[in-house]
Amino acid sequence: MQRASKAARDRLKTAMSRLAGGDRAALEDIYRATSAKLFGICLRILGDEKEAEDALQDVYLTLWRRADRYDPERASPIAWLATFARNRAIDRLRTGKVRGGAVPEDKAASLSDGSPLPDSMLIDEEREARVRACLEELDETPRDAIRSAFFEGRTYAELAERQGVPLGTMKSWIRRGLAKLKACMEAGE
């Protein structure tokens, strides 16, 4: 599975490079590989399918104009694009023209988008593998809670309700799990 995700990442990096060189077909490849995830980010923030579609279109227009600015040493392609999606959705909230269903602007900035942990978005593949290995070392309960919170965008309240535990307990599980994850990461540096 890791080989498949690495191959997908490599194909996406290649497409980004092609797009930066003016290859229009590369935009279609990037769209097919990323549109579902980016639409999900926009929809989660905006709460309206039409608004999310409009924001997603803005993302790809921005990508078309700025593909040459992508630096594979600083971020994975999907992390870079997820940042565009999040920013476009929040920009739409700020205009005040969003239909009902959107989250309040002040909450959108902290809304989880299902991307990898923020600090892992700008790290290379070796460090990403280390994060995954360290996650596997955690006990099942905090590991699953952390994955759900940070990779699926679940709130602490949702996780607590799903597990049938008080909110404070869920926060403690995640906080302790993150502390162990941090210690594991630091030990591997």
Protein backbone atom coordinates (compact mmCIF):
# COMPACT_ATOMS: atom_id res chain seq x y z
CA MET A 1 0.00 0.00 0.00
CA GLN A 2 2.84 2.40 0.77
CA ARG A 3 4.33 1.64 -2.66
CA ALA A 4 1.03 2.52 -4.30
CA SER A 5 0.75 5.81 -2.41
CA LYS A 6 4.38 6.66 -3.22
CA ALA A 7 3.74 5.91 -6.89
CA ALA A 8 0.62 8.11 -6.81
CA ARG A 9 2.61 10.92 -5.15
CA ASP A 10 5.35 10.58 -7.75
CA ARG A 11 2.81 10.71 -10.60
CA LEU A 12 1.28 13.82 -9.05
CA LYS A 13 4.69 15.48 -8.68
CA THR A 14 5.44 14.69 -12.32
CA ALA A 15 2.10 16.13 -13.41
CA MET A 16 2.77 19.28 -11.36
CA SER A 17 6.12 19.65 -13.12
CA ARG A 18 4.49 19.12 -16.51
CA LEU A 19 1.83 21.71 -15.69
CA ALA A 20 4.49 24.22 -14.65
CA GLY A 21 5.99 23.67 -18.10
CA GLY A 22 2.68 24.54 -19.76
CA ASP A 23 1.33 21.03 -20.43
CA ARG A 24 -2.47 21.45 -20.40
CA ALA A 25 -3.07 17.69 -20.21
CA ALA A 26 -1.27 17.65 -16.86
CA LEU A 27 -4.07 19.76 -15.34
CA GLU A 28 -6.56 17.03 -16.20
CA ASP A 29 -4.31 14.39 -14.59
CA ILE A 30 -4.00 16.53 -11.45
CA TYR A 31 -7.75 17.13 -11.37
CA ARG A 32 -8.54 13.41 -11.60
CA ALA A 33 -6.07 12.63 -8.82
CA THR A 34 -7.06 15.39 -6.40
CA SER A 35 -10.55 16.74 -7.06
CA ALA A 36 -12.43 14.43 -4.68
CA LYS A 37 -10.22 15.30 -1.72
CA LEU A 38 -10.16 19.02 -2.49
CA PHE A 39 -13.93 19.11 -3.04
CA GLY A 40 -14.33 17.46 0.37
CA ILE A 41 -12.25 20.18 2.01
CA CYS A 42 -14.29 22.93 0.34
CA LEU A 43 -17.59 21.25 1.14
CA ARG A 44 -16.68 20.72 4.79
CA ILE A 45 -15.87 24.41 5.21
CA LEU A 46 -18.64 25.87 3.05
CA GLY A 47 -21.43 23.40 3.76
CA ASP A 48 -22.95 23.89 0.30
CA GLU A 49 -22.20 21.80 -2.81
CA LYS A 50 -22.54 24.67 -5.29
CA GLU A 51 -20.26 26.90 -3.21
CA ALA A 52 -17.77 24.05 -2.86
CA GLU A 53 -17.81 23.49 -6.64
CA ASP A 54 -17.16 27.20 -7.21
CA ALA A 55 -14.30 27.19 -4.70
CA LEU A 56 -12.85 24.06 -6.33
CA GLN A 57 -12.90 25.76 -9.72
CA ASP A 58 -10.99 28.67 -8.18
CA VAL A 59 -8.41 26.21 -6.84
CA TYR A 60 -7.66 24.81 -10.29
CA LEU A 61 -7.60 28.26 -11.88
CA THR A 62 -5.09 29.35 -9.26
CA LEU A 63 -3.08 26.18 -9.85
CA TRP A 64 -3.02 26.86 -13.59
CA ARG A 65 -1.58 30.33 -12.96
CA ARG A 66 0.80 29.35 -10.15
CA ALA A 67 1.97 25.82 -10.98
CA ASP A 68 5.49 27.13 -11.52
CA ARG A 69 5.63 28.18 -7.85
CA TYR A 70 5.23 24.64 -6.53
CA ASP A 71 8.34 23.45 -4.68
CA PRO A 72 8.41 19.68 -4.08
CA GLU A 73 11.07 20.20 -1.39
CA ARG A 74 8.64 22.18 0.77
CA ALA A 75 5.39 20.25 0.44
CA SER A 76 3.72 17.28 -1.15
CA PRO A 77 1.50 18.21 -4.10
CA ILE A 78 -1.69 17.28 -2.26
CA ALA A 79 -0.68 19.31 0.80
CA TRP A 80 0.00 22.33 -1.40
CA LEU A 81 -3.33 21.95 -3.18
CA ALA A 82 -5.20 21.31 0.08
CA THR A 83 -3.90 24.65 1.32
CA PHE A 84 -5.27 26.31 -1.84
CA ALA A 85 -8.65 24.65 -1.30
CA ARG A 86 -8.85 25.66 2.32
CA ASN A 87 -7.84 29.24 1.54
CA ARG A 88 -10.32 29.55 -1.36
CA ALA A 89 -13.15 28.23 0.79
CA ILE A 90 -12.29 30.60 3.64
CA ASP A 91 -12.02 33.49 1.16
CA ARG A 92 -15.56 32.70 -0.02
CA LEU A 93 -16.75 32.81 3.59
CA ARG A 94 -15.13 36.21 4.07
CA THR A 95 -17.01 37.69 1.12
CA GLY A 96 -20.24 37.03 3.00
CA LYS A 97 -21.99 35.75 -0.12
CA VAL A 98 -22.04 32.08 0.84
CA ARG A 99 -25.38 30.31 0.97
CA GLY A 100 -26.65 28.70 4.18
CA GLY A 101 -24.86 25.71 5.66
CA ALA A 102 -21.39 27.20 5.84
CA VAL A 103 -19.45 27.11 9.07
CA PRO A 104 -18.68 30.47 10.72
CA GLU A 105 -15.51 32.07 9.38
CA ASP A 106 -13.72 31.99 12.75
CA LYS A 107 -14.27 28.22 12.98
CA ALA A 108 -13.21 27.53 9.38
CA ALA A 109 -9.61 28.50 10.04
CA SER A 110 -9.27 25.69 12.56
CA LEU A 111 -11.45 23.17 10.73
CA SER A 112 -9.66 19.93 10.03
CA ASP A 113 -9.42 19.17 6.34
CA GLY A 114 -8.45 15.48 6.51
CA SER A 115 -4.91 16.16 5.33
CA PRO A 116 -1.94 14.70 7.11
CA LEU A 117 -0.91 16.40 10.34
CA PRO A 118 0.09 20.00 9.64
CA ASP A 119 3.72 19.46 10.55
CA SER A 120 3.95 16.42 8.27
CA MET A 121 2.62 18.33 5.26
CA LEU A 122 5.97 20.02 4.72
CA ILE A 123 8.23 17.08 5.39
CA ASP A 124 9.74 14.63 3.00
CA GLU A 125 8.61 11.07 2.45
CA GLU A 126 11.09 9.65 4.94
CA ARG A 127 9.62 11.68 7.77
CA GLU A 128 6.10 10.81 6.67
CA ALA A 129 7.02 7.14 6.93
CA ARG A 130 8.36 7.82 10.43
CA VAL A 131 5.05 9.40 11.48
CA ARG A 132 3.18 6.34 10.28
CA ALA A 133 5.60 4.00 12.04
CA CYS A 134 5.29 5.97 15.29
CA LEU A 135 1.49 5.91 15.01
CA GLU A 136 1.64 2.13 14.80
CA GLU A 137 3.54 2.07 18.10
CA LEU A 138 0.66 3.76 19.95
CA ASP A 139 -2.04 1.81 21.76
CA GLU A 140 -5.10 1.18 19.61
CA THR A 141 -7.47 3.67 21.29
CA PRO A 142 -5.33 6.82 21.02
CA ARG A 143 -4.01 5.72 17.60
CA ASP A 144 -7.52 5.37 16.20
CA ALA A 145 -8.65 8.64 17.80
CA ILE A 146 -5.66 10.53 16.38
CA ARG A 147 -6.18 9.04 12.93
CA SER A 148 -9.87 9.92 12.98
CA ALA A 149 -9.22 13.45 14.22
CA PHE A 150 -6.34 14.34 11.95
CA PHE A 151 -6.80 12.16 8.87
CA GLU A 152 -10.61 12.06 8.69
CA GLY A 153 -11.36 15.51 10.12
CA ARG A 154 -13.49 14.24 13.01
CA THR A 155 -14.01 16.59 15.95
CA TYR A 156 -13.20 15.58 19.49
CA ALA A 157 -16.93 15.77 20.27
CA GLU A 158 -17.75 13.38 17.41
CA LEU A 159 -15.09 10.95 18.55
CA ALA A 160 -16.23 11.10 22.17
CA GLU A 161 -19.82 10.43 21.16
CA ARG A 162 -18.80 7.57 18.87
CA GLN A 163 -16.74 5.97 21.65
CA GLY A 164 -19.33 6.72 24.33
CA VAL A 165 -16.87 8.58 26.55
CA PRO A 166 -16.86 12.10 28.00
CA LEU A 167 -15.32 14.82 25.83
CA GLY A 168 -12.54 15.41 28.38
CA THR A 169 -11.57 11.74 28.23
CA MET A 170 -11.28 11.85 24.44
CA LYS A 171 -9.17 15.01 24.62
CA SER A 172 -6.90 13.34 27.18
CA TRP A 173 -6.48 10.23 25.03
CA ILE A 174 -5.53 12.31 22.03
CA ARG A 175 -3.26 14.66 24.02
CA ARG A 176 -1.38 11.73 25.58
CA GLY A 177 -1.20 9.95 22.23
CA LEU A 178 0.22 13.06 20.58
CA ALA A 179 2.80 13.39 23.36
CA LYS A 180 3.91 9.78 22.77
CA LEU A 181 3.92 10.40 19.01
CA LYS A 182 6.11 13.47 19.50
CA ALA A 183 8.53 11.53 21.73
CA CYS A 184 8.74 8.76 19.13
CA MET A 185 9.39 11.28 16.34
CA GLU A 186 12.08 13.07 18.35
CA ALA A 187 13.76 9.76 19.17
CA GLY A 188 13.99 9.00 15.46
CA GLU A 189 15.57 12.33 14.47
